[in-house]
Protein backbone atom coordinates (compact mmCIF):
# COMPACT_ATOMS: atom_id res chain seq x y z
CA MET A 1 -28.31 101.04 -129.34
CA ILE A 2 -30.76 99.59 -131.72
CA GLY A 3 -27.99 99.62 -134.38
CA MET A 4 -25.59 97.84 -132.22
CA GLY A 5 -28.31 95.23 -131.35
CA THR A 6 -28.92 94.68 -134.99
CA TRP A 7 -25.37 93.85 -135.64
CA ASN A 8 -24.62 91.58 -132.71
CA VAL A 9 -27.79 89.65 -133.75
CA MET A 10 -27.09 89.63 -137.70
CA GLY A 11 -23.32 89.13 -136.62
CA ARG A 12 -24.01 85.85 -134.88
CA TYR A 13 -26.19 84.50 -137.64
CA LEU A 14 -23.93 85.59 -140.71
CA GLY A 15 -20.72 84.69 -138.48
CA ASN A 16 -22.09 81.00 -138.39
CA LEU A 17 -22.74 80.96 -141.96
CA VAL A 18 -19.33 81.98 -143.03
CA GLY A 19 -17.48 80.29 -140.03
CA GLN A 20 -16.33 83.64 -138.65
CA ASN A 21 -17.27 85.59 -135.50
CA LEU A 22 -18.44 88.81 -136.16
CA SER A 23 -19.62 89.73 -133.13
CA SER A 24 -17.90 90.37 -129.61
CA ASN A 25 -18.35 90.36 -125.79
CA ALA A 26 -17.21 94.17 -126.35
CA LEU A 27 -19.86 94.63 -128.69
CA ILE A 28 -22.99 92.67 -126.86
CA GLU A 29 -21.66 94.96 -123.74
CA THR A 30 -21.51 98.20 -125.59
CA GLN A 31 -25.26 97.63 -126.47
CA TRP A 32 -25.87 97.15 -122.86
CA TYR A 33 -24.14 100.06 -121.92
CA LEU A 34 -25.79 102.28 -124.35
CA PHE A 35 -29.15 100.91 -122.73
CA ASP A 36 -27.84 101.67 -119.26
CA ILE A 37 -26.96 105.12 -120.34
CA VAL A 38 -30.50 106.09 -121.84
CA PHE A 39 -32.32 104.74 -119.19
CA LEU A 40 -30.14 106.06 -116.02
CA LEU A 41 -30.04 109.76 -117.72
CA GLY A 42 -33.09 109.54 -119.11
CA ALA A 43 -35.03 109.50 -115.23
CA ALA A 44 -34.43 112.97 -114.76
CA TYR A 45 -35.38 114.12 -118.01
CA THR A 46 -38.57 112.08 -117.98
CA LEU A 47 -39.21 113.56 -114.61
CA GLN A 48 -38.56 117.27 -115.76
CA LYS A 49 -41.10 116.52 -118.93
CA GLY A 50 -43.46 114.99 -116.64
CA GLY A 51 -43.53 111.56 -118.08
CA HIS A 52 -42.84 109.33 -115.15
CA VAL A 53 -46.34 107.07 -114.26
CA ARG A 54 -48.85 108.23 -112.18
CA VAL A 55 -51.60 106.50 -110.67
CA ASP A 56 -54.24 108.65 -112.21
CA VAL A 57 -57.44 107.00 -110.21
CA PHE A 58 -57.67 110.27 -107.98
CA TYR A 59 -54.92 112.10 -109.48
CA ASP A 60 -56.74 113.25 -112.92
CA ARG A 61 -59.49 114.52 -110.92
CA TRP A 62 -57.63 116.81 -108.60
CA SER A 63 -57.06 120.72 -109.46
CA ARG A 64 -53.56 121.67 -110.38
CA ARG A 65 -52.91 122.61 -106.77
CA GLN A 66 -53.97 119.52 -105.29
CA LYS A 67 -51.61 117.78 -107.94
CA ALA A 68 -48.69 120.02 -106.94
CA LEU A 69 -49.11 119.46 -103.20
CA ALA A 70 -49.03 115.73 -103.89
CA ASP A 71 -46.22 115.96 -106.27
CA PHE A 72 -44.27 118.15 -103.70
CA ILE A 73 -45.04 115.41 -100.90
CA GLY A 74 -43.96 112.76 -103.29
CA THR A 75 -40.70 114.47 -104.39
CA ILE A 76 -39.70 115.20 -100.64
CA LEU A 77 -40.71 112.06 -98.82
CA PHE A 78 -39.84 109.29 -101.79
CA LEU A 79 -37.98 110.65 -104.81
CA ILE A 80 -35.11 112.44 -103.03
CA PRO A 81 -34.49 110.21 -100.13
CA PHE A 82 -34.77 107.17 -102.43
CA SER A 83 -32.18 108.55 -104.75
CA ALA A 84 -29.94 109.58 -101.92
CA LEU A 85 -29.86 106.30 -100.50
CA VAL A 86 -29.15 104.68 -104.13
CA ILE A 87 -26.10 107.02 -103.76
CA TYR A 88 -25.22 106.22 -100.37
CA PHE A 89 -25.38 102.46 -100.95
CA SER A 90 -23.68 102.60 -104.31
CA TRP A 91 -20.72 104.82 -103.48
CA GLY A 92 -18.49 102.34 -101.88
CA THR A 93 -19.20 100.06 -105.06
CA VAL A 94 -18.19 102.49 -107.88
CA VAL A 95 -15.09 103.31 -105.72
CA ARG A 96 -14.02 100.01 -105.50
CA SER A 97 -14.40 99.69 -109.14
CA TRP A 98 -12.38 102.57 -109.55
CA VAL A 99 -9.50 101.51 -107.20
CA VAL A 100 -9.22 98.27 -109.13
CA TRP A 101 -10.21 99.57 -112.58
CA GLU A 102 -12.83 96.65 -112.76
CA THR A 103 -13.33 95.15 -116.21
CA SER A 104 -15.78 92.68 -117.43
CA PRO A 105 -15.24 89.20 -116.70
CA ASP A 106 -15.91 87.99 -120.15
CA PRO A 107 -13.01 88.08 -122.64
CA GLY A 108 -12.74 91.07 -124.26
CA GLY A 109 -15.20 93.11 -122.06
CA LEU A 110 -15.21 96.38 -121.63
CA LEU A 111 -14.47 98.54 -118.41
CA ARG A 112 -16.75 98.46 -115.67
CA PHE A 113 -16.40 101.46 -113.48
CA PRO A 114 -17.68 104.15 -116.14
CA ILE A 115 -20.80 102.63 -116.10
CA LYS A 116 -21.04 101.88 -112.56
CA THR A 117 -20.25 105.71 -112.23
CA MET A 118 -23.47 106.73 -114.17
CA ILE A 119 -25.37 105.38 -111.35
CA LEU A 120 -24.01 108.21 -109.12
CA VAL A 121 -24.18 110.67 -112.01
CA SER A 122 -27.88 109.51 -112.66
CA PHE A 123 -29.23 109.76 -109.31
CA GLY A 124 -27.52 112.76 -108.69
CA LEU A 125 -29.38 114.44 -111.63
CA LEU A 126 -32.66 112.92 -110.32
CA ILE A 127 -32.04 114.75 -107.02
CA LEU A 128 -31.31 117.86 -108.75
CA GLN A 129 -34.40 117.78 -111.25
CA GLY A 130 -36.52 116.65 -107.96
CA ILE A 131 -35.29 119.88 -105.90
CA SER A 132 -36.42 121.82 -108.96
CA GLU A 133 -39.65 120.12 -109.37
CA ALA A 134 -40.22 120.77 -105.67
CA ILE A 135 -39.87 124.57 -105.56
CA LYS A 136 -42.10 124.54 -108.81
CA ASN A 137 -44.70 122.66 -107.30
CA TRP A 138 -44.65 124.78 -103.85
CA ALA A 139 -44.85 128.05 -106.24
CA ILE A 140 -48.17 126.43 -107.72
CA PHE A 141 -49.49 125.24 -104.13
CA SER A 142 -48.49 128.45 -102.15
CA GLY A 143 -50.08 130.50 -105.13
CA ASN A 144 -46.77 132.06 -106.16
CA LEU A 145 -47.15 130.57 -109.43
CA PRO A 146 -50.36 130.66 -111.23
CA ALA A 147 -52.09 127.24 -111.07
CA ASP A 148 -53.22 127.08 -114.48
CA GLU A 149 -49.99 127.43 -115.77
CA THR A 150 -49.01 124.17 -117.37
CA ARG A 151 -45.79 122.28 -117.49
CA ASP A 152 -45.81 122.53 -121.14
CA ASP A 153 -46.33 126.67 -120.73
CA LEU A 154 -43.56 126.52 -118.66
CA ASN A 155 -41.37 124.47 -120.80
CA ARG A 156 -42.51 126.57 -123.71
CA GLU A 157 -41.90 129.86 -121.84
CA ALA A 158 -38.30 128.40 -120.64
CA GLY A 159 -37.72 127.73 -124.55
CA ASP A 160 -38.24 131.20 -125.80
CA ALA A 161 -36.11 132.67 -123.30
CA ASN A 162 -33.35 130.83 -124.64
């Protein structure tokens, strides 16, 4: 993505110097699509690694069980319903895009239906990861998973099993 962005900028300026277009709409859109994919697919991964932003005013002072309960409630009441709503309201747009094999309106642009499909894929993955997090947080809150175990400990154990 960075390389594509660098080429798009350099190609524009070098192209002006030599009088030749060294970039294209397809290359610019490729850069956008790569950013979209990183952002969309990174959401579930970031949730799994505990990297999403939290308001730590209270959260830092809470015990692991209290944090697990807050995370469980947030996942059940906000994350999963929001992700389901995004899928629900995006579904028709994605299907229409596939039906007409939607392409960019810009000359030489890319197909639009594959990147629109990534909305459904990414929020589906986010729901699955949310379910995983909810199960884990409920296990911590209910005492079935020791509260002193951290996310890093669980990830390390999972890595050792592989």
